[in-house]
Amino acid sequence: MARHQGQMGIRRPPGDRVLTGFFFLVSLIFTVACLFPFIMVIIASFTEEGTLVREGYSLWPSRWSTDAYKAVLSGRALSNAYGVTVFVTLVGTTLSLLFTSLCAYAISGRMLRYRNVIAFIFYFTMLFSGGLVPWYILISRYLRLRNNVWVYILPALINPWNMFLLRNFFSTLPDSFRESAQIDGANEVTILARIVIPLSLPAMATIALFYGIVYWNSWLESLLFIDSNQKYEHLITLQYLIMRIIRNIEAAKTLSKQSTLPIPIPPAETIRYATTLLTIGPIILLYPFLQRYFIAGLKVGGVKG
């Protein structure tokens, strides 16, 4: 106890305290600099359109308005698109983690025959691609995923880069864990589910975040594989709906300049910021839950391959 009190009573030199305070000040300035654009986006989304055009950006605009959110949230299109995007993100991330971990575990061990050949096939797809036209023909004609919600998930089920990251992490686990489990009678599925994956939570969380962001931002599939009619309107994603809203507003602005009749135009500038908040909000809320795993998982690419 006396030793502990003596250590607690030690005072650091004034130079160390000044240096620590300087580091805290720099960190605070950097944090404010990172948060300031996001705060301005929030304020701009609640600013009246004319005020934003006349006065520019301000921390406290003279006139507030929620017209941008009313224009975006009107109707059921947004709720349907949100539902599709949430479904694609949750189901797609879960399935991608499952199949990616299976592939990574298979080629991380030494028992699989031709594992180097299989790894090269995955690696080859990272270097060369068939292009947009063969990809479109494969999905629409052979896989028959046109106007199907699975078109967002199945083509992006396994990302080779994420698979190699996960394989590298699996390779760092001691072989004694697997050997001990095999002696106790465990098969490969049991070893993966009960030993490898619980020990690889930082890597799994990092890969899950990577997959989640990709699935959440899906929009090209809606443009190419979902027909633009009322029958399949419920299959488009949030990102594509937001892009279409902004394009319609730009078209209305162009038409109003060419027409002599007054045409009502939604608030174009503030809608951009409102849609930004609506689309990135869930990802920002998800990150704090994965933060403790994410920092450790960033080291996954630096381990032996």
Protein backbone atom coordinates (compact mmCIF):
# COMPACT_ATOMS: atom_id res chain seq x y z
CA MET A 1 0.00 0.00 0.00
CA ALA A 2 2.81 2.40 0.87
CA ARG A 3 4.52 1.65 -2.40
CA HIS A 4 1.27 2.30 -4.27
CA GLN A 5 0.75 5.60 -2.49
CA GLY A 6 4.32 6.56 -3.26
CA GLN A 7 3.80 5.89 -6.93
CA MET A 8 0.55 7.86 -6.92
CA GLY A 9 2.31 10.75 -5.26
CA ILE A 10 5.02 11.04 -7.91
CA ARG A 11 4.63 14.27 -9.81
CA ARG A 12 5.63 14.42 -13.44
CA PRO A 13 8.06 17.12 -14.58
CA PRO A 14 6.46 20.31 -15.89
CA GLY A 15 7.78 19.57 -19.37
CA ASP A 16 5.90 16.28 -19.54
CA ARG A 17 2.67 17.92 -18.44
CA VAL A 18 3.05 20.65 -21.05
CA LEU A 19 3.74 18.07 -23.74
CA THR A 20 0.71 16.01 -22.67
CA GLY A 21 -1.48 19.10 -22.73
CA PHE A 22 -0.19 19.99 -26.18
CA PHE A 23 -1.06 16.50 -27.48
CA PHE A 24 -4.56 16.78 -26.02
CA LEU A 25 -4.99 20.19 -27.65
CA VAL A 26 -3.87 18.89 -31.05
CA SER A 27 -6.21 15.91 -30.71
CA LEU A 28 -9.09 18.22 -29.80
CA ILE A 29 -8.44 20.49 -32.78
CA PHE A 30 -8.23 17.48 -35.10
CA THR A 31 -11.50 16.08 -33.71
CA VAL A 32 -13.30 19.40 -34.20
CA ALA A 33 -11.90 19.67 -37.73
CA CYS A 34 -13.26 16.23 -38.55
CA LEU A 35 -16.68 16.89 -37.02
CA PHE A 36 -17.15 20.40 -38.40
CA PRO A 37 -18.09 19.36 -42.00
CA PHE A 38 -20.57 16.82 -40.66
CA ILE A 39 -22.14 19.45 -38.38
CA MET A 40 -22.41 21.85 -41.32
CA VAL A 41 -24.19 19.17 -43.36
CA ILE A 42 -26.73 18.73 -40.56
CA ILE A 43 -27.35 22.47 -40.29
CA ALA A 44 -27.55 22.91 -44.08
CA SER A 45 -30.14 20.15 -44.34
CA PHE A 46 -32.42 22.09 -41.96
CA THR A 47 -31.81 25.46 -43.64
CA GLU A 48 -34.40 27.08 -45.87
CA GLU A 49 -33.40 26.72 -49.53
CA GLY A 50 -33.45 30.42 -50.39
CA THR A 51 -31.51 31.30 -47.25
CA LEU A 52 -28.82 28.76 -48.08
CA VAL A 53 -28.47 30.13 -51.63
CA ARG A 54 -28.40 33.80 -50.56
CA GLU A 55 -26.42 33.67 -47.32
CA GLY A 56 -24.35 30.54 -47.80
CA TYR A 57 -23.40 28.17 -44.99
CA SER A 58 -23.82 29.32 -41.43
CA LEU A 59 -23.78 27.75 -37.99
CA TRP A 60 -27.05 29.53 -37.24
CA PRO A 61 -29.02 30.38 -40.40
CA SER A 62 -31.66 33.09 -40.32
CA ARG A 63 -34.41 30.74 -41.49
CA TRP A 64 -34.83 27.06 -40.69
CA SER A 65 -36.89 24.60 -42.71
CA THR A 66 -37.70 20.89 -42.91
CA ASP A 67 -38.86 21.04 -46.54
CA ALA A 68 -35.94 18.88 -47.67
CA TYR A 69 -36.91 16.04 -45.35
CA LYS A 70 -40.57 16.39 -46.29
CA ALA A 71 -39.69 16.07 -49.96
CA VAL A 72 -37.49 13.03 -49.38
CA LEU A 73 -39.74 11.27 -46.88
CA SER A 74 -42.98 11.82 -48.78
CA GLY A 75 -44.62 8.64 -49.99
CA ARG A 76 -43.74 5.02 -49.35
CA ALA A 77 -40.87 4.81 -51.82
CA LEU A 78 -38.25 5.71 -49.23
CA SER A 79 -39.51 3.23 -46.63
CA ASN A 80 -39.56 0.45 -49.24
CA ALA A 81 -36.04 1.33 -50.40
CA TYR A 82 -34.84 1.43 -46.79
CA GLY A 83 -36.33 -2.02 -46.22
CA VAL A 84 -34.59 -3.44 -49.29
CA THR A 85 -31.26 -1.90 -48.33
CA VAL A 86 -31.46 -3.11 -44.73
CA PHE A 87 -32.39 -6.62 -45.88
CA VAL A 88 -29.57 -6.70 -48.43
CA THR A 89 -27.05 -5.38 -45.89
CA LEU A 90 -27.96 -7.77 -43.08
CA VAL A 91 -28.49 -10.92 -45.14
CA GLY A 92 -25.66 -10.15 -47.57
CA THR A 93 -23.13 -9.42 -44.82
CA THR A 94 -24.10 -12.59 -42.92
CA LEU A 95 -23.86 -14.84 -45.98
CA SER A 96 -20.66 -13.17 -47.16
CA LEU A 97 -19.02 -13.72 -43.78
CA LEU A 98 -20.12 -17.35 -43.82
CA PHE A 99 -18.82 -18.20 -47.28
CA THR A 100 -15.72 -16.03 -46.97
CA SER A 101 -14.74 -17.69 -43.71
CA LEU A 102 -15.32 -21.14 -45.24
CA CYS A 103 -13.06 -20.36 -48.20
CA ALA A 104 -10.43 -18.67 -46.03
CA TYR A 105 -10.36 -21.57 -43.58
CA ALA A 106 -10.06 -24.14 -46.37
CA ILE A 107 -6.99 -22.57 -47.97
CA SER A 108 -5.38 -21.49 -44.70
CA GLY A 109 -4.68 -25.06 -43.61
CA ARG A 110 -2.14 -27.46 -45.04
CA MET A 111 -4.42 -30.45 -45.50
CA LEU A 112 -6.33 -29.23 -48.56
CA ARG A 113 -4.92 -30.52 -51.81
CA TYR A 114 -4.29 -27.92 -54.53
CA ARG A 115 -4.95 -25.11 -52.08
CA ASN A 116 -2.34 -22.94 -53.80
CA VAL A 117 -4.08 -23.44 -57.14
CA ILE A 118 -7.41 -22.48 -55.60
CA ALA A 119 -5.83 -19.42 -54.00
CA PHE A 120 -4.36 -18.41 -57.37
CA ILE A 121 -7.80 -18.65 -59.00
CA PHE A 122 -9.16 -16.25 -56.39
CA TYR A 123 -6.16 -13.99 -56.87
CA PHE A 124 -6.55 -14.03 -60.66
CA THR A 125 -10.03 -12.50 -60.35
CA MET A 126 -8.51 -9.56 -58.50
CA LEU A 127 -6.22 -8.78 -61.43
CA PHE A 128 -8.46 -9.44 -64.43
CA SER A 129 -12.16 -8.95 -64.99
CA GLY A 130 -14.43 -9.94 -67.84
CA GLY A 131 -15.93 -6.46 -67.97
CA LEU A 132 -19.39 -5.04 -67.57
CA VAL A 133 -21.04 -6.73 -70.58
CA PRO A 134 -20.10 -10.35 -69.67
CA TRP A 135 -21.02 -9.62 -66.06
CA TYR A 136 -24.44 -8.36 -67.15
CA ILE A 137 -25.04 -11.37 -69.44
CA LEU A 138 -24.00 -13.81 -66.71
CA ILE A 139 -26.34 -12.35 -64.11
CA SER A 140 -29.35 -11.66 -66.30
CA ARG A 141 -29.29 -14.59 -68.76
CA TYR A 142 -27.60 -17.48 -66.96
CA LEU A 143 -28.19 -16.77 -63.28
CA ARG A 144 -31.64 -15.28 -64.05
CA LEU A 145 -31.44 -12.74 -61.24
CA ARG A 146 -33.09 -9.91 -63.11
CA ASN A 147 -35.84 -8.22 -61.07
CA ASN A 148 -34.83 -10.28 -58.05
CA VAL A 149 -33.64 -8.99 -54.68
CA TRP A 150 -30.87 -11.61 -54.64
CA VAL A 151 -29.15 -9.78 -57.48
CA TYR A 152 -27.67 -7.51 -54.81
CA ILE A 153 -26.27 -10.39 -52.73
CA LEU A 154 -25.22 -13.40 -54.81
CA PRO A 155 -22.84 -11.66 -57.29
CA ALA A 156 -21.01 -9.97 -54.38
CA LEU A 157 -21.06 -12.93 -52.02
CA ILE A 158 -17.27 -13.40 -51.81
CA ASN A 159 -14.72 -10.64 -52.19
CA PRO A 160 -11.27 -12.14 -52.87
CA TRP A 161 -9.48 -9.33 -51.07
CA ASN A 162 -11.51 -9.87 -47.90
CA MET A 163 -11.03 -13.62 -48.23
CA PHE A 164 -7.24 -13.27 -48.35
CA LEU A 165 -7.27 -10.93 -45.35
CA LEU A 166 -9.24 -13.47 -43.38
CA ARG A 167 -7.02 -16.31 -44.55
CA ASN A 168 -3.95 -14.44 -43.34
CA PHE A 169 -5.54 -14.01 -39.94
CA PHE A 170 -6.49 -17.69 -39.75
CA SER A 171 -2.90 -18.62 -40.63
CA THR A 172 -1.59 -16.87 -37.52
CA LEU A 173 -3.61 -19.09 -35.18
CA PRO A 174 -1.51 -21.88 -33.63
CA ASP A 175 -1.93 -25.27 -35.25
CA SER A 176 -2.03 -26.83 -31.78
CA PHE A 177 -5.61 -25.60 -31.34
CA ARG A 178 -6.80 -27.55 -34.37
CA GLU A 179 -4.73 -30.60 -33.53
CA SER A 180 -6.10 -30.74 -29.99
CA ALA A 181 -9.65 -30.44 -31.27
CA GLN A 182 -9.07 -33.18 -33.84
CA ILE A 183 -7.73 -35.48 -31.14
CA ASP A 184 -10.95 -34.89 -29.19
CA GLY A 185 -12.95 -35.94 -32.25
CA ALA A 186 -13.98 -32.55 -33.63
CA ASN A 187 -14.50 -32.21 -37.37
CA GLU A 188 -13.52 -29.23 -39.49
CA VAL A 189 -16.90 -27.50 -39.17
CA THR A 190 -16.73 -27.73 -35.37
CA ILE A 191 -13.16 -26.42 -35.32
CA LEU A 192 -14.15 -23.46 -37.50
CA ALA A 193 -17.33 -22.62 -35.57
CA ARG A 194 -16.09 -23.14 -32.01
CA ILE A 195 -12.38 -22.37 -32.15
CA VAL A 196 -11.26 -20.42 -35.22
CA ILE A 197 -14.11 -17.91 -35.51
CA PRO A 198 -14.30 -17.03 -31.76
CA LEU A 199 -10.54 -16.38 -31.83
CA SER A 200 -10.90 -14.25 -34.97
CA LEU A 201 -13.57 -11.78 -33.86
CA PRO A 202 -11.44 -8.68 -34.67
CA ALA A 203 -10.88 -9.88 -38.22
CA MET A 204 -14.50 -11.00 -38.62
CA ALA A 205 -15.79 -7.61 -37.41
CA THR A 206 -13.50 -5.77 -39.80
CA ILE A 207 -14.56 -7.89 -42.77
CA ALA A 208 -18.21 -7.51 -41.73
CA LEU A 209 -17.84 -3.72 -41.78
CA PHE A 210 -16.25 -3.86 -45.23
CA TYR A 211 -19.04 -6.04 -46.59
CA GLY A 212 -21.73 -3.99 -44.85
CA ILE A 213 -20.56 -0.74 -46.44
CA VAL A 214 -20.51 -2.32 -49.91
CA TYR A 215 -24.01 -3.77 -49.55
CA TRP A 216 -25.38 -0.56 -48.04
CA ASN A 217 -24.08 1.51 -50.96
CA SER A 218 -25.43 -0.81 -53.68
CA TRP A 219 -27.08 1.10 -56.52
CA LEU A 220 -25.64 -0.15 -59.83
CA GLU A 221 -27.65 -3.38 -59.62
CA SER A 222 -30.87 -1.36 -59.38
CA LEU A 223 -29.92 0.56 -62.48
CA LEU A 224 -29.00 -2.47 -64.57
CA PHE A 225 -31.17 -5.34 -63.36
CA ILE A 226 -34.37 -3.79 -61.95
CA ASP A 227 -36.91 -2.66 -64.55
CA SER A 228 -38.15 0.90 -64.23
CA ASN A 229 -41.84 0.26 -63.81
CA GLN A 230 -44.32 0.18 -60.97
CA LYS A 231 -44.28 -3.61 -60.73
CA TYR A 232 -40.66 -3.78 -59.58
CA GLU A 233 -40.49 -0.43 -57.83
CA HIS A 234 -40.29 -2.15 -54.44
CA LEU A 235 -36.95 -3.79 -55.34
CA ILE A 236 -34.80 -0.68 -55.75
CA THR A 237 -32.28 0.25 -53.07
CA LEU A 238 -32.01 3.41 -51.02
CA GLN A 239 -28.93 4.72 -52.80
CA TYR A 240 -30.52 4.38 -56.23
CA LEU A 241 -33.74 6.04 -55.04
CA ILE A 242 -31.79 9.00 -53.64
CA MET A 243 -29.86 9.32 -56.89
CA ARG A 244 -33.09 9.26 -58.88
CA ILE A 245 -34.68 11.93 -56.66
CA ILE A 246 -31.71 14.24 -57.19
CA ARG A 247 -31.78 13.64 -60.96
CA ASN A 248 -35.49 14.43 -61.10
CA ILE A 249 -34.91 17.66 -59.22
CA GLU A 250 -32.13 18.67 -61.61
CA ALA A 251 -34.41 17.89 -64.56
CA ALA A 252 -37.19 19.98 -63.00
CA LYS A 253 -34.80 22.91 -62.54
CA THR A 254 -33.71 22.70 -66.17
CA LEU A 255 -37.33 22.50 -67.34
CA SER A 256 -38.37 25.49 -65.23
CA LYS A 257 -35.68 27.65 -66.83
CA GLN A 258 -36.94 26.75 -70.31
CA SER A 259 -40.64 27.07 -69.52
CA THR A 260 -42.68 30.24 -69.21
CA LEU A 261 -45.10 28.62 -66.77
CA PRO A 262 -44.25 28.42 -63.06
CA ILE A 263 -43.12 24.92 -62.10
CA PRO A 264 -42.78 24.01 -58.41
CA ILE A 265 -39.27 22.83 -57.65
CA PRO A 266 -38.28 20.98 -54.46
CA PRO A 267 -35.32 22.40 -52.49
CA ALA A 268 -32.47 20.91 -54.49
CA GLU A 269 -29.47 21.97 -52.41
CA THR A 270 -30.87 21.09 -49.00
CA ILE A 271 -32.17 17.75 -50.31
CA ARG A 272 -28.60 16.77 -51.10
CA TYR A 273 -27.62 17.20 -47.46
CA ALA A 274 -30.77 15.56 -46.13
CA THR A 275 -30.20 12.50 -48.28
CA THR A 276 -26.57 12.39 -47.17
CA LEU A 277 -27.65 12.14 -43.54
CA LEU A 278 -30.32 9.56 -44.30
CA THR A 279 -27.88 7.32 -46.14
CA ILE A 280 -24.82 7.47 -43.87
CA GLY A 281 -26.68 7.53 -40.57
CA PRO A 282 -26.97 3.75 -40.00
CA ILE A 283 -23.31 3.15 -40.87
CA ILE A 284 -22.21 5.81 -38.40
CA LEU A 285 -24.38 4.27 -35.69
CA LEU A 286 -22.96 0.82 -36.44
CA TYR A 287 -19.30 1.80 -36.18
CA PRO A 288 -19.16 2.36 -32.36
CA PHE A 289 -20.28 -1.23 -31.78
CA LEU A 290 -17.46 -2.54 -33.97
CA GLN A 291 -14.78 -0.06 -32.94
CA ARG A 292 -13.07 -2.24 -30.33
CA TYR A 293 -12.70 -5.03 -32.90
CA PHE A 294 -12.00 -2.78 -35.85
CA ILE A 295 -8.68 -1.35 -34.59
CA ALA A 296 -7.30 -4.81 -33.88
CA GLY A 297 -8.68 -6.14 -37.15
CA LEU A 298 -6.83 -3.49 -39.16
CA LYS A 299 -3.67 -5.44 -38.45
CA VAL A 300 -5.05 -8.41 -40.34
CA GLY A 301 -3.33 -7.45 -43.59
CA GLY A 302 0.08 -7.16 -41.97
CA VAL A 303 0.42 -10.73 -40.81
CA LYS A 304 2.06 -13.50 -42.74
CA GLY A 305 0.32 -14.74 -45.91
